[in-house]
Amino acid sequence: MPTRTQAALLDAVDRVFDLAENTLAAQRELARTLIGAAERQADAVAETVESTSRETLRELDDTVKAEAKRAQQVVERVEQTPAPKPETAEADKPRPRKPEPKVDRRPFEERSLEELRERARELDIDGRSAMSKDELVAALRKQSK
């Protein structure tokens, strides 16, 4: 037979085990409660995302249909608009071409003094009006290099 001290010790150990079992049961219940709350939140978020997605898709579908209808109306208006008459269509008239400047391939010595001065003016050669024909030829050759 156990002594009184041993019995008290066994009784205390039993109470500690009971307390531990109760604590473990409470922790399990808390875990189940938390899991349930998390599942409800996840379901609520999924439902919100799903309904928002459906609404957005509906709005996009309506927008696409409206834009397609507007585009069709524009096409119908364009098809109903008579084509411009050829005599009134300025864009269809051929524009006269500007003649391309002809390049003078003659040597400088064969050109007149006025032709040489004109070419010197195009090249912006200083003092050209006072130059002789030989001086203009030399200045033009120097500028061409």
Protein backbone atom coordinates (compact mmCIF):
# COMPACT_ATOMS: atom_id res chain seq x y z
CA MET A 1 0.00 0.00 0.00
CA PRO A 2 1.34 3.39 -0.96
CA THR A 3 2.13 5.87 1.70
CA ARG A 4 0.28 9.05 2.10
CA THR A 5 3.00 11.06 0.34
CA GLN A 6 3.07 8.64 -2.53
CA ALA A 7 -0.73 8.75 -2.80
CA ALA A 8 -0.65 12.56 -2.81
CA LEU A 9 2.02 12.49 -5.46
CA LEU A 10 0.01 10.04 -7.61
CA ASP A 11 -3.07 12.21 -7.15
CA ALA A 12 -1.11 15.31 -8.26
CA VAL A 13 0.24 13.47 -11.30
CA ASP A 14 -3.32 12.40 -12.22
CA ARG A 15 -4.49 15.99 -11.97
CA VAL A 16 -1.59 17.17 -14.17
CA PHE A 17 -2.50 14.54 -16.78
CA ASP A 18 -6.16 15.58 -16.65
CA LEU A 19 -5.16 19.21 -17.03
CA ALA A 20 -2.90 18.33 -19.98
CA GLU A 21 -5.74 16.36 -21.63
CA ASN A 22 -8.14 19.28 -21.14
CA THR A 23 -5.57 21.72 -22.52
CA LEU A 24 -4.96 19.50 -25.55
CA ALA A 25 -8.72 19.20 -26.17
CA ALA A 26 -9.09 23.00 -25.95
CA GLN A 27 -6.20 23.47 -28.40
CA ARG A 28 -7.78 21.00 -30.83
CA GLU A 29 -11.10 22.87 -30.61
CA LEU A 30 -9.32 26.20 -31.20
CA ALA A 31 -7.52 24.74 -34.23
CA ARG A 32 -10.84 23.48 -35.67
CA THR A 33 -12.40 26.90 -35.09
CA LEU A 34 -9.50 28.67 -36.81
CA ILE A 35 -9.60 26.25 -39.75
CA GLY A 36 -13.35 26.83 -40.12
CA ALA A 37 -12.88 30.61 -40.04
CA ALA A 38 -10.10 30.42 -42.64
CA GLU A 39 -12.26 28.23 -44.90
CA ARG A 40 -15.17 30.68 -44.62
CA GLN A 41 -12.88 33.59 -45.47
CA ALA A 42 -11.44 31.71 -48.44
CA ASP A 43 -14.96 30.91 -49.65
CA ALA A 44 -15.99 34.57 -49.28
CA VAL A 45 -12.93 35.77 -51.21
CA ALA A 46 -13.50 33.20 -53.96
CA GLU A 47 -17.14 34.23 -54.22
CA THR A 48 -16.18 37.93 -54.41
CA VAL A 49 -13.57 37.27 -57.08
CA GLU A 50 -15.99 35.15 -59.08
CA SER A 51 -18.82 37.70 -58.96
CA THR A 52 -16.46 40.59 -59.75
CA SER A 53 -15.00 38.65 -62.67
CA ARG A 54 -18.44 37.89 -64.05
CA GLU A 55 -19.47 41.54 -63.74
CA THR A 56 -16.26 42.73 -65.43
CA LEU A 57 -16.69 40.23 -68.25
CA ARG A 58 -20.29 41.37 -68.72
CA GLU A 59 -19.17 45.01 -68.89
CA LEU A 60 -16.42 44.14 -71.38
CA ASP A 61 -18.86 42.17 -73.48
CA ASP A 62 -21.28 45.12 -73.51
CA THR A 63 -18.45 47.50 -74.45
CA VAL A 64 -17.26 45.26 -77.29
CA LYS A 65 -20.81 44.93 -78.62
CA ALA A 66 -21.34 48.71 -78.45
CA GLU A 67 -18.04 49.39 -80.25
CA ALA A 68 -18.84 46.79 -82.90
CA LYS A 69 -22.23 48.43 -83.44
CA ARG A 70 -20.61 51.87 -83.78
CA ALA A 71 -18.04 50.51 -86.20
CA GLN A 72 -20.82 48.93 -88.28
CA GLN A 73 -22.67 52.27 -88.36
CA VAL A 74 -19.51 54.02 -89.55
CA VAL A 75 -19.02 51.41 -92.27
CA GLU A 76 -22.64 51.83 -93.38
CA ARG A 77 -22.27 55.63 -93.48
CA VAL A 78 -19.09 55.34 -95.51
CA GLU A 79 -20.74 52.91 -97.91
CA GLN A 80 -23.72 55.28 -98.33
CA THR A 81 -21.53 58.33 -98.99
CA PRO A 82 -21.18 58.87 -102.74
CA ALA A 83 -17.68 58.76 -104.12
CA PRO A 84 -16.31 62.16 -105.15
CA LYS A 85 -16.56 62.97 -108.82
CA PRO A 86 -13.25 62.86 -110.67
CA GLU A 87 -13.46 66.50 -111.71
CA THR A 88 -13.88 67.63 -108.08
CA ALA A 89 -11.34 65.32 -106.49
CA GLU A 90 -8.20 67.43 -106.11
CA ALA A 91 -6.23 64.56 -104.61
CA ASP A 92 -6.77 62.44 -107.71
CA LYS A 93 -5.43 65.07 -110.12
CA PRO A 94 -1.86 64.53 -111.18
CA ARG A 95 0.39 67.28 -109.92
CA PRO A 96 2.82 68.86 -112.33
CA ARG A 97 6.37 67.80 -111.63
CA LYS A 98 9.00 70.35 -110.98
CA PRO A 99 11.78 70.01 -113.47
CA GLU A 100 14.90 68.62 -111.89
CA PRO A 101 17.86 70.96 -112.17
CA LYS A 102 20.20 69.90 -114.91
CA VAL A 103 23.78 69.35 -113.97
CA ASP A 104 26.16 71.18 -116.22
CA ARG A 105 28.93 68.72 -117.02
CA ARG A 106 30.93 71.08 -119.18
CA PRO A 107 34.40 72.03 -117.96
CA PHE A 108 34.62 75.44 -116.29
CA GLU A 109 36.70 76.78 -119.19
CA GLU A 110 33.82 76.23 -121.64
CA ARG A 111 31.33 78.20 -119.51
CA SER A 112 30.65 81.90 -119.79
CA LEU A 113 31.69 84.40 -117.14
CA GLU A 114 28.04 84.79 -116.06
CA GLU A 115 27.63 81.00 -115.70
CA LEU A 116 30.78 80.84 -113.59
CA ARG A 117 29.59 83.72 -111.38
CA GLU A 118 26.19 82.01 -110.95
CA ARG A 119 27.88 78.79 -109.85
CA ALA A 120 30.17 80.77 -107.51
CA ARG A 121 27.05 82.43 -106.03
CA GLU A 122 25.46 78.98 -105.43
CA LEU A 123 28.64 77.92 -103.58
CA ASP A 124 28.81 81.27 -101.73
CA ILE A 125 32.33 82.13 -102.84
CA ASP A 126 33.36 85.56 -101.51
CA GLY A 127 34.64 88.20 -103.93
CA ARG A 128 33.20 86.48 -106.99
CA SER A 129 31.90 89.64 -108.63
CA ALA A 130 35.40 91.13 -108.85
CA MET A 131 37.09 87.93 -110.10
CA SER A 132 38.20 87.30 -113.65
CA LYS A 133 37.21 84.15 -115.51
CA ASP A 134 40.54 82.42 -114.64
CA GLU A 135 40.17 83.38 -110.97
CA LEU A 136 36.58 82.06 -110.87
CA VAL A 137 37.70 78.75 -112.47
CA ALA A 138 40.47 78.40 -109.86
CA ALA A 139 38.10 79.27 -106.97
CA LEU A 140 35.44 76.83 -108.22
CA ARG A 141 37.99 74.03 -108.61
CA LYS A 142 39.31 74.73 -105.11
CA GLN A 143 35.74 74.67 -103.69
CA SER A 144 34.91 71.39 -105.52
CA LYS A 145 37.77 69.45 -103.89
